[in-house]
Amino acid sequence: MAIVDEVRQIISQTLKVPIERLTPDTRLDDIGAESLDVIEIVFELEEKFGISIPFNPDESPSARRGAREPNEAGDLAFQTIGEVASAVKNLVDAKRAS
């Protein structure tokens, strides 16, 4: 299963949103994700993939660039499902390379 599909599945289960509604372009705040939901999603992803996702926005690439304002979904440097999946993939790839 592709990482984006596994991310969609976790988000679908956490937010109780039909997986069919979730695309890489779906914004977390558009599907009702609040800060605690994002934390739960992050914990699930970390456990599933054996990675550590930074909670501190200062640790994210977008925060280092000052790219955007915090959003209602907790601003963990991603706003869409595709951005979450990309971050997870990068962390998984880095873990494999080390």
PDB file of N, CA and C in Angstrom:
ATOM      1  N   MET A   1       0.851  -1.181   0.000  1.00  0.00           N
ATOM      2  CA  MET A   1       0.000   0.000   0.000  1.00  0.00           C
ATOM      3  C   MET A   1       0.895   1.242   0.000  1.00  0.00           C
ATOM      4  N   ALA A   2       0.563   2.220  -0.811  1.00  0.00           N
ATOM      5  CA  ALA A   2       1.325   3.460  -0.886  1.00  0.00           C
ATOM      6  C   ALA A   2       1.158   4.256   0.408  1.00  0.00           C
ATOM      7  N   ILE A   3       2.177   5.026   0.747  1.00  0.00           N
ATOM      8  CA  ILE A   3       2.136   5.822   1.968  1.00  0.00           C
ATOM      9  C   ILE A   3       0.929   6.750   1.975  1.00  0.00           C
ATOM     10  N   VAL A   4       0.627   7.385   0.861  1.00  0.00           N
ATOM     11  CA  VAL A   4      -0.518   8.309   0.823  1.00  0.00           C
ATOM     12  C   VAL A   4      -1.817   7.573   1.154  1.00  0.00           C
ATOM     13  N   ASP A   5      -1.947   6.323   0.713  1.00  0.00           N
ATOM     14  CA  ASP A   5      -3.148   5.553   1.013  1.00  0.00           C
ATOM     15  C   ASP A   5      -3.216   5.180   2.493  1.00  0.00           C
ATOM     16  N   GLU A   6      -2.067   4.869   3.075  1.00  0.00           N
ATOM     17  CA  GLU A   6      -2.038   4.552   4.507  1.00  0.00           C
ATOM     18  C   GLU A   6      -2.329   5.798   5.339  1.00  0.00           C
ATOM     19  N   VAL A   7      -1.826   6.942   4.913  1.00  0.00           N
ATOM     20  CA  VAL A   7      -2.123   8.207   5.599  1.00  0.00           C
ATOM     21  C   VAL A   7      -3.616   8.503   5.494  1.00  0.00           C
ATOM     22  N   ARG A   8      -4.178   8.335   4.316  1.00  0.00           N
ATOM     23  CA  ARG A   8      -5.625   8.544   4.128  1.00  0.00           C
ATOM     24  C   ARG A   8      -6.431   7.633   5.044  1.00  0.00           C
ATOM     25  N   GLN A   9      -6.007   6.385   5.165  1.00  0.00           N
ATOM     26  CA  GLN A   9      -6.721   5.423   5.997  1.00  0.00           C
ATOM     27  C   GLN A   9      -6.693   5.849   7.469  1.00  0.00           C
ATOM     28  N   ILE A  10      -5.533   6.261   7.965  1.00  0.00           N
ATOM     29  CA  ILE A  10      -5.416   6.698   9.357  1.00  0.00           C
ATOM     30  C   ILE A  10      -6.259   7.940   9.603  1.00  0.00           C
ATOM     31  N   ILE A  11      -6.197   8.897   8.690  1.00  0.00           N
ATOM     32  CA  ILE A  11      -6.991  10.126   8.853  1.00  0.00           C
ATOM     33  C   ILE A  11      -8.478   9.801   8.793  1.00  0.00           C
ATOM     34  N   SER A  12      -8.872   8.917   7.896  1.00  0.00           N
ATOM     35  CA  SER A  12     -10.274   8.512   7.775  1.00  0.00           C
ATOM     36  C   SER A  12     -10.773   7.900   9.081  1.00  0.00           C
ATOM     37  N   GLN A  13      -9.985   7.003   9.664  1.00  0.00           N
ATOM     38  CA  GLN A  13     -10.387   6.346  10.906  1.00  0.00           C
ATOM     39  C   GLN A  13     -10.419   7.327  12.070  1.00  0.00           C
ATOM     40  N   THR A  14      -9.437   8.210  12.152  1.00  0.00           N
ATOM     41  CA  THR A  14      -9.359   9.161  13.265  1.00  0.00           C
ATOM     42  C   THR A  14     -10.495  10.164  13.226  1.00  0.00           C
ATOM     43  N   LEU A  15     -10.758  10.710  12.044  1.00  0.00           N
ATOM     44  CA  LEU A  15     -11.772  11.760  11.911  1.00  0.00           C
ATOM     45  C   LEU A  15     -13.159  11.222  11.559  1.00  0.00           C
ATOM     46  N   LYS A  16     -13.226   9.903  11.330  1.00  0.00           N
ATOM     47  CA  LYS A  16     -14.493   9.268  10.940  1.00  0.00           C
ATOM     48  C   LYS A  16     -15.086   9.928   9.690  1.00  0.00           C
ATOM     49  N   VAL A  17     -14.203  10.094   8.708  1.00  0.00           N
ATOM     50  CA  VAL A  17     -14.568  10.655   7.406  1.00  0.00           C
ATOM     51  C   VAL A  17     -14.398   9.532   6.386  1.00  0.00           C
ATOM     52  N   PRO A  18     -15.371   9.333   5.494  1.00  0.00           N
ATOM     53  CA  PRO A  18     -15.220   8.284   4.481  1.00  0.00           C
ATOM     54  C   PRO A  18     -13.926   8.481   3.677  1.00  0.00           C
ATOM     55  N   ILE A  19     -13.171   7.411   3.527  1.00  0.00           N
ATOM     56  CA  ILE A  19     -11.877   7.500   2.842  1.00  0.00           C
ATOM     57  C   ILE A  19     -12.039   8.007   1.410  1.00  0.00           C
ATOM     58  N   GLU A  20     -13.189   7.761   0.811  1.00  0.00           N
ATOM     59  CA  GLU A  20     -13.431   8.212  -0.562  1.00  0.00           C
ATOM     60  C   GLU A  20     -13.389   9.736  -0.668  1.00  0.00           C
ATOM     61  N   ARG A  21     -13.670  10.429   0.434  1.00  0.00           N
ATOM     62  CA  ARG A  21     -13.666  11.907   0.437  1.00  0.00           C
ATOM     63  C   ARG A  21     -12.256  12.474   0.560  1.00  0.00           C
ATOM     64  N   LEU A  22     -11.283  11.623   0.867  1.00  0.00           N
ATOM     65  CA  LEU A  22      -9.940  12.102   1.151  1.00  0.00           C
ATOM     66  C   LEU A  22      -9.026  11.928  -0.058  1.00  0.00           C
ATOM     67  N   THR A  23      -8.542  13.051  -0.560  1.00  0.00           N
ATOM     68  CA  THR A  23      -7.590  13.054  -1.666  1.00  0.00           C
ATOM     69  C   THR A  23      -6.329  13.748  -1.180  1.00  0.00           C
ATOM     70  N   PRO A  24      -5.242  13.659  -1.921  1.00  0.00           N
ATOM     71  CA  PRO A  24      -4.029  14.368  -1.511  1.00  0.00           C
ATOM     72  C   PRO A  24      -4.233  15.880  -1.367  1.00  0.00           C
ATOM     73  N   ASP A  25      -5.205  16.439  -2.078  1.00  0.00           N
ATOM     74  CA  ASP A  25      -5.458  17.883  -2.007  1.00  0.00           C
ATOM     75  C   ASP A  25      -6.422  18.284  -0.890  1.00  0.00           C
ATOM     76  N   THR A  26      -6.992  17.305  -0.193  1.00  0.00           N
ATOM     77  CA  THR A  26      -7.940  17.615   0.884  1.00  0.00           C
ATOM     78  C   THR A  26      -7.226  18.326   2.020  1.00  0.00           C
ATOM     79  N   ARG A  27      -7.763  19.475   2.410  1.00  0.00           N
ATOM     80  CA  ARG A  27      -7.192  20.246   3.517  1.00  0.00           C
ATOM     81  C   ARG A  27      -7.696  19.675   4.842  1.00  0.00           C
ATOM     82  N   LEU A  28      -6.791  19.551   5.802  1.00  0.00           N
ATOM     83  CA  LEU A  28      -7.155  19.001   7.102  1.00  0.00           C
ATOM     84  C   LEU A  28      -8.242  19.825   7.783  1.00  0.00           C
ATOM     85  N   ASP A  29      -8.139  21.147   7.684  1.00  0.00           N
ATOM     86  CA  ASP A  29      -9.156  21.971   8.338  1.00  0.00           C
ATOM     87  C   ASP A  29     -10.513  21.860   7.632  1.00  0.00           C
ATOM     88  N   ASP A  30     -10.528  21.517   6.350  1.00  0.00           N
ATOM     89  CA  ASP A  30     -11.792  21.349   5.629  1.00  0.00           C
ATOM     90  C   ASP A  30     -12.547  20.090   6.059  1.00  0.00           C
ATOM     91  N   ILE A  31     -11.844  19.126   6.643  1.00  0.00           N
ATOM     92  CA  ILE A  31     -12.508  17.894   7.093  1.00  0.00           C
ATOM     93  C   ILE A  31     -12.652  17.865   8.613  1.00  0.00           C
ATOM     94  N   GLY A  32     -12.460  19.025   9.239  1.00  0.00           N
ATOM     95  CA  GLY A  32     -12.742  19.153  10.664  1.00  0.00           C
ATOM     96  C   GLY A  32     -11.621  18.786  11.603  1.00  0.00           C
ATOM     97  N   ALA A  33     -10.401  18.643  11.106  1.00  0.00           N
ATOM     98  CA  ALA A  33      -9.280  18.293  11.973  1.00  0.00           C
ATOM     99  C   ALA A  33      -8.939  19.464  12.884  1.00  0.00           C
ATOM    100  N   GLU A  34      -8.953  19.198  14.179  1.00  0.00           N
ATOM    101  CA  GLU A  34      -8.547  20.181  15.167  1.00  0.00           C
ATOM    102  C   GLU A  34      -7.206  19.747  15.743  1.00  0.00           C
ATOM    103  N   SER A  35      -6.633  20.567  16.583  1.00  0.00           N
ATOM    104  CA  SER A  35      -5.296  20.306  17.122  1.00  0.00           C
ATOM    105  C   SER A  35      -5.170  18.913  17.735  1.00  0.00           C
ATOM    106  N   LEU A  36      -6.119  18.526  18.568  1.00  0.00           N
ATOM    107  CA  LEU A  36      -6.040  17.201  19.203  1.00  0.00           C
ATOM    108  C   LEU A  36      -6.160  16.082  18.184  1.00  0.00           C
ATOM    109  N   ASP A  37      -6.962  16.286  17.143  1.00  0.00           N
ATOM    110  CA  ASP A  37      -7.068  15.293  16.074  1.00  0.00           C
ATOM    111  C   ASP A  37      -5.730  15.126  15.371  1.00  0.00           C
ATOM    112  N   VAL A  38      -5.074  16.239  15.097  1.00  0.00           N
ATOM    113  CA  VAL A  38      -3.788  16.196  14.410  1.00  0.00           C
ATOM    114  C   VAL A  38      -2.765  15.466  15.271  1.00  0.00           C
ATOM    115  N   ILE A  39      -2.783  15.721  16.569  1.00  0.00           N
ATOM    116  CA  ILE A  39      -1.859  15.027  17.480  1.00  0.00           C
ATOM    117  C   ILE A  39      -2.110  13.524  17.430  1.00  0.00           C
ATOM    118  N   GLU A  40      -3.368  13.122  17.457  1.00  0.00           N
ATOM    119  CA  GLU A  40      -3.699  11.697  17.388  1.00  0.00           C
ATOM    120  C   GLU A  40      -3.240  11.097  16.063  1.00  0.00           C
ATOM    121  N   ILE A  41      -3.457  11.809  14.969  1.00  0.00           N
ATOM    122  CA  ILE A  41      -3.016  11.335  13.647  1.00  0.00           C
ATOM    123  C   ILE A  41      -1.505  11.179  13.626  1.00  0.00           C
ATOM    124  N   VAL A  42      -0.792  12.166  14.166  1.00  0.00           N
ATOM    125  CA  VAL A  42       0.671  12.113  14.200  1.00  0.00           C
ATOM    126  C   VAL A  42       1.135  10.897  14.990  1.00  0.00           C
ATOM    127  N   PHE A  43       0.532  10.652  16.164  1.00  0.00           N
ATOM    128  CA  PHE A  43       0.912   9.482  16.968  1.00  0.00           C
ATOM    129  C   PHE A  43       0.684   8.189  16.199  1.00  0.00           C
ATOM    130  N   GLU A  44      -0.448   8.089  15.518  1.00  0.00           N
ATOM    131  CA  GLU A  44      -0.744   6.892  14.724  1.00  0.00           C
ATOM    132  C   GLU A  44       0.293   6.692  13.616  1.00  0.00           C
ATOM    133  N   LEU A  45       0.626   7.781  12.927  1.00  0.00           N
ATOM    134  CA  LEU A  45       1.617   7.693  11.843  1.00  0.00           C
ATOM    135  C   LEU A  45       2.988   7.319  12.377  1.00  0.00           C
ATOM    136  N   GLU A  46       3.376   7.923  13.504  1.00  0.00           N
ATOM    137  CA  GLU A  46       4.670   7.614  14.102  1.00  0.00           C
ATOM    138  C   GLU A  46       4.752   6.137  14.476  1.00  0.00           C
ATOM    139  N   GLU A  47       3.689   5.622  15.063  1.00  0.00           N
ATOM    140  CA  GLU A  47       3.674   4.223  15.465  1.00  0.00           C
ATOM    141  C   GLU A  47       3.707   3.299  14.253  1.00  0.00           C
ATOM    142  N   LYS A  48       2.899   3.593  13.254  1.00  0.00           N
ATOM    143  CA  LYS A  48       2.800   2.740  12.070  1.00  0.00           C
ATOM    144  C   LYS A  48       4.119   2.666  11.304  1.00  0.00           C
ATOM    145  N   PHE A  49       4.786   3.816  11.170  1.00  0.00           N
ATOM    146  CA  PHE A  49       5.979   3.874  10.331  1.00  0.00           C
ATOM    147  C   PHE A  49       7.287   3.871  11.118  1.00  0.00           C
ATOM    148  N   GLY A  50       7.216   3.929  12.452  1.00  0.00           N
ATOM    149  CA  GLY A  50       8.432   3.929  13.258  1.00  0.00           C
ATOM    150  C   GLY A  50       9.273   5.179  13.056  1.00  0.00           C
ATOM    151  N   ILE A  51       8.600   6.328  12.951  1.00  0.00           N
ATOM    152  CA  ILE A  51       9.281   7.605  12.715  1.00  0.00           C
ATOM    153  C   ILE A  51       8.905   8.587  13.811  1.00  0.00           C
ATOM    154  N   SER A  52       9.564   9.728  13.819  1.00  0.00           N
ATOM    155  CA  SER A  52       9.218  10.805  14.742  1.00  0.00           C
ATOM    156  C   SER A  52       8.909  12.048  13.919  1.00  0.00           C
ATOM    157  N   ILE A  53       7.682  12.536  14.057  1.00  0.00           N
ATOM    158  CA  ILE A  53       7.236  13.720  13.332  1.00  0.00           C
ATOM    159  C   ILE A  53       7.331  14.901  14.280  1.00  0.00           C
ATOM    160  N   PRO A  54       8.065  15.955  13.924  1.00  0.00           N
ATOM    161  CA  PRO A  54       8.228  17.092  14.838  1.00  0.00           C
ATOM    162  C   PRO A  54       6.918  17.832  15.088  1.00  0.00           C
ATOM    163  N   PHE A  55       6.645  18.104  16.364  1.00  0.00           N
ATOM    164  CA  PHE A  55       5.472  18.887  16.735  1.00  0.00           C
ATOM    165  C   PHE A  55       5.765  20.367  16.710  1.00  0.00           C
ATOM    166  N   ASN A  56       7.005  20.741  16.947  1.00  0.00           N
ATOM    167  CA  ASN A  56       7.383  22.140  17.041  1.00  0.00           C
ATOM    168  C   ASN A  56       7.446  22.737  15.644  1.00  0.00           C
ATOM    169  N   PRO A  57       6.600  23.711  15.338  1.00  0.00           N
ATOM    170  CA  PRO A  57       6.631  24.301  13.997  1.00  0.00           C
ATOM    171  C   PRO A  57       8.009  24.866  13.636  1.00  0.00           C
ATOM    172  N   ASP A  58       8.839  25.215  14.634  1.00  0.00           N
ATOM    173  CA  ASP A  58      10.175  25.715  14.341  1.00  0.00           C
ATOM    174  C   ASP A  58      11.055  24.647  13.709  1.00  0.00           C
ATOM    175  N   GLU A  59      10.669  23.374  13.856  1.00  0.00           N
ATOM    176  CA  GLU A  59      11.451  22.283  13.291  1.00  0.00           C
ATOM    177  C   GLU A  59      11.047  21.966  11.859  1.00  0.00           C
ATOM    178  N   SER A  60       9.987  22.558  11.378  1.00  0.00           N
ATOM    179  CA  SER A  60       9.498  22.240  10.051  1.00  0.00           C
ATOM    180  C   SER A  60      10.150  23.136   8.999  1.00  0.00           C
ATOM    181  N   PRO A  61      10.308  22.612   7.781  1.00  0.00           N
ATOM    182  CA  PRO A  61      10.894  23.429   6.710  1.00  0.00           C
ATOM    183  C   PRO A  61      10.114  24.705   6.436  1.00  0.00           C
ATOM    184  N   SER A  62       8.780  24.647   6.464  1.00  0.00           N
ATOM    185  CA  SER A  62       8.008  25.851   6.159  1.00  0.00           C
ATOM    186  C   SER A  62       8.189  26.904   7.238  1.00  0.00           C
ATOM    187  N   ALA A  63       8.318  26.480   8.489  1.00  0.00           N
ATOM    188  CA  ALA A  63       8.515  27.451   9.572  1.00  0.00           C
ATOM    189  C   ALA A  63       9.883  28.112   9.448  1.00  0.00           C
ATOM    190  N   ARG A  64      10.883  27.334   9.050  1.00  0.00           N
ATOM    191  CA  ARG A  64      12.222  27.915   8.884  1.00  0.00           C
ATOM    192  C   ARG A  64      12.211  28.963   7.775  1.00  0.00           C
ATOM    193  N   ARG A  65      11.353  28.764   6.782  1.00  0.00           N
ATOM    194  CA  ARG A  65      11.250  29.738   5.694  1.00  0.00           C
ATOM    195  C   ARG A  65      10.271  30.844   6.040  1.00  0.00           C
ATOM    196  N   GLY A  66       9.505  30.671   7.138  1.00  0.00           N
ATOM    197  CA  GLY A  66       8.471  31.648   7.474  1.00  0.00           C
ATOM    198  C   GLY A  66       7.375  31.659   6.432  1.00  0.00           C
ATOM    199  N   ALA A  67       7.025  30.507   5.906  1.00  0.00           N
ATOM    200  CA  ALA A  67       6.165  30.411   4.741  1.00  0.00           C
ATOM    201  C   ALA A  67       4.700  30.733   4.993  1.00  0.00           C
ATOM    202  N   ARG A  68       4.176  30.384   6.172  1.00  0.00           N
ATOM    203  CA  ARG A  68       2.744  30.606   6.330  1.00  0.00           C
ATOM    204  C   ARG A  68       2.354  30.747   7.796  1.00  0.00           C
ATOM    205  N   GLU A  69       1.145  31.245   7.962  1.00  0.00           N
ATOM    206  CA  GLU A  69       0.581  31.417   9.302  1.00  0.00           C
ATOM    207  C   GLU A  69       0.123  30.063   9.830  1.00  0.00           C
ATOM    208  N   PRO A  70       0.045  29.897  11.149  1.00  0.00           N
ATOM    209  CA  PRO A  70      -0.503  28.651  11.699  1.00  0.00           C
ATOM    210  C   PRO A  70      -1.943  28.461  11.249  1.00  0.00           C
ATOM    211  N   ASN A  71      -2.319  27.214  11.031  1.00  0.00           N
ATOM    212  CA  ASN A  71      -3.700  26.942  10.662  1.00  0.00           C
ATOM    213  C   ASN A  71      -4.425  26.288  11.830  1.00  0.00           C
ATOM    214  N   GLU A  72      -5.730  26.076  11.673  1.00  0.00           N
ATOM    215  CA  GLU A  72      -6.522  25.515  12.761  1.00  0.00           C
ATOM    216  C   GLU A  72      -6.222  24.047  12.994  1.00  0.00           C
ATOM    217  N   ALA A  73      -5.545  23.392  12.087  1.00  0.00           N
ATOM    218  CA  ALA A  73      -5.255  21.975  12.240  1.00  0.00           C
ATOM    219  C   ALA A  73      -3.938  21.751  12.971  1.00  0.00           C
ATOM    220  N   GLY A  74      -3.423  22.746  13.656  1.00  0.00           N
ATOM    221  CA  GLY A  74      -2.248  22.554  14.478  1.00  0.00           C
ATOM    222  C   GLY A  74      -0.956  22.971  13.824  1.00  0.00           C
ATOM    223  N   ASP A  75      -0.961  23.279  12.574  1.00  0.00           N
ATOM    224  CA  ASP A  75       0.200  23.713  11.802  1.00  0.00           C
ATOM    225  C   ASP A  75       1.452  22.911  12.098  1.00  0.00           C
ATOM    226  N   LEU A  76       1.437  21.665  11.708  1.00  0.00           N
ATOM    227  CA  LEU A  76       2.626  20.837  11.796  1.00  0.00           C
ATOM    228  C   LEU A  76       3.347  20.872  10.463  1.00  0.00           C
ATOM    229  N   ALA A  77       3.327  22.013   9.824  1.00  0.00           N
ATOM    230  CA  ALA A  77       4.005  22.269   8.552  1.00  0.00           C
ATOM    231  C   ALA A  77       3.258  21.680   7.369  1.00  0.00           C
ATOM    232  N   PHE A  78       2.067  21.168   7.586  1.00  0.00           N
ATOM    233  CA  PHE A  78       1.279  20.681   6.463  1.00  0.00           C
ATOM    234  C   PHE A  78      -0.186  21.015   6.663  1.00  0.00           C
ATOM    235  N   GLN A  79      -0.820  21.270   5.550  1.00  0.00           N
ATOM    236  CA  GLN A  79      -2.231  21.626   5.588  1.00  0.00           C
ATOM    237  C   GLN A  79      -3.093  20.628   4.829  1.00  0.00           C
ATOM    238  N   THR A  80      -2.498  19.866   3.922  1.00  0.00           N
ATOM    239  CA  THR A  80      -3.264  18.909   3.125  1.00  0.00           C
ATOM    240  C   THR A  80      -2.789  17.486   3.411  1.00  0.00           C
ATOM    241  N   ILE A  81      -3.620  16.532   3.024  1.00  0.00           N
ATOM    242  CA  ILE A  81      -3.254  15.125   3.188  1.00  0.00           C
ATOM    243  C   ILE A  81      -2.003  14.804   2.381  1.00  0.00           C
ATOM    244  N   GLY A  82      -1.878  15.396   1.201  1.00  0.00           N
ATOM    245  CA  GLY A  82      -0.686  15.176   0.384  1.00  0.00           C
ATOM    246  C   GLY A  82       0.581  15.658   1.077  1.00  0.00           C
ATOM    247  N   GLU A  83       0.494  16.787   1.767  1.00  0.00           N
ATOM    248  CA  GLU A  83       1.652  17.299   2.504  1.00  0.00           C
ATOM    249  C   GLU A  83       2.007  16.384   3.668  1.00  0.00           C
ATOM    250  N   VAL A  84       0.991  15.835   4.342  1.00  0.00           N
ATOM    251  CA  VAL A  84       1.237  14.877   5.428  1.00  0.00           C
ATOM    252  C   VAL A  84       1.945  13.649   4.864  1.00  0.00           C
ATOM    253  N   ALA A  85       1.412  13.119   3.766  1.00  0.00           N
ATOM    254  CA  ALA A  85       1.988  11.920   3.156  1.00  0.00           C
ATOM    255  C   ALA A  85       3.418  12.175   2.690  1.00  0.00           C
ATOM    256  N   SER A  86       3.672  13.341   2.123  1.00  0.00           N
ATOM    257  CA  SER A  86       5.017  13.685   1.676  1.00  0.00           C
ATOM    258  C   SER A  86       5.988  13.756   2.851  1.00  0.00           C
ATOM    259  N   ALA A  87       5.544  14.365   3.949  1.00  0.00           N
ATOM    260  CA  ALA A  87       6.396  14.458   5.138  1.00  0.00           C
ATOM    261  C   ALA A  87       6.700  13.071   5.681  1.00  0.00           C
ATOM    262  N   VAL A  88       5.677  12.210   5.740  1.00  0.00           N
ATOM    263  CA  VAL A  88       5.877  10.842   6.230  1.00  0.00           C
ATOM    264  C   VAL A  88       6.846  10.101   5.309  1.00  0.00           C
ATOM    265  N   LYS A  89       6.651  10.228   4.005  1.00  0.00           N
ATOM    266  CA  LYS A  89       7.528   9.539   3.048  1.00  0.00           C
ATOM    267  C   LYS A  89       8.976  10.000   3.216  1.00  0.00           C
ATOM    268  N   ASN A  90       9.190  11.309   3.369  1.00  0.00           N
ATOM    269  CA  ASN A  90      10.546  11.827   3.550  1.00  0.00           C
ATOM    270  C   ASN A  90      11.181  11.278   4.817  1.00  0.00           C
ATOM    271  N   LEU A  91      10.409  11.202   5.895  1.00  0.00           N
ATOM    272  CA  LEU A  91      10.934  10.675   7.154  1.00  0.00           C
ATOM    273  C   LEU A  91      11.217   9.178   7.060  1.00  0.00           C
ATOM    274  N   VAL A  92      10.338   8.438   6.377  1.00  0.00           N
ATOM    275  CA  VAL A  92      10.550   7.000   6.184  1.00  0.00           C
ATOM    276  C   VAL A  92      11.801   6.768   5.319  1.00  0.00           C
ATOM    277  N   ASP A  93      11.935   7.535   4.249  1.00  0.00           N
ATOM    278  CA  ASP A  93      13.111   7.408   3.372  1.00  0.00           C
ATOM    279  C   ASP A  93      14.393   7.737   4.126  1.00  0.00           C
ATOM    280  N   ALA A  94      14.366   8.777   4.950  1.00  0.00           N
ATOM    281  CA  ALA A  94      15.553   9.158   5.739  1.00  0.00           C
ATOM    282  C   ALA A  94      15.908   8.063   6.730  1.00  0.00           C
ATOM    283  N   LYS A  95      14.896   7.454   7.315  1.00  0.00           N
ATOM    284  CA  LYS A  95      15.139   6.368   8.273  1.00  0.00           C
ATOM    285  C   LYS A  95      15.786   5.173   7.568  1.00  0.00           C
ATOM    286  N   ARG A  96      15.284   4.847   6.392  1.00  0.00           N
ATOM    287  CA  ARG A  96      15.856   3.728   5.626  1.00  0.00           C
ATOM    288  C   ARG A  96      17.294   4.002   5.203  1.00  0.00           C
ATOM    289  N   ALA A  97      17.588   5.266   4.888  1.00  0.00           N
ATOM    290  CA  ALA A  97      18.926   5.627   4.401  1.00  0.00           C
ATOM    291  C   ALA A  97      19.969   5.620   5.527  1.00  0.00           C
ATOM    292  N   SER A  98      19.508   5.745   6.760  1.00  0.00           N
ATOM    293  CA  SER A  98      20.480   5.826   7.864  1.00  0.00           C
ATOM    294  C   SER A  98      20.889   4.476   8.379  1.00  0.00           C
TER     295      SER A  98
END
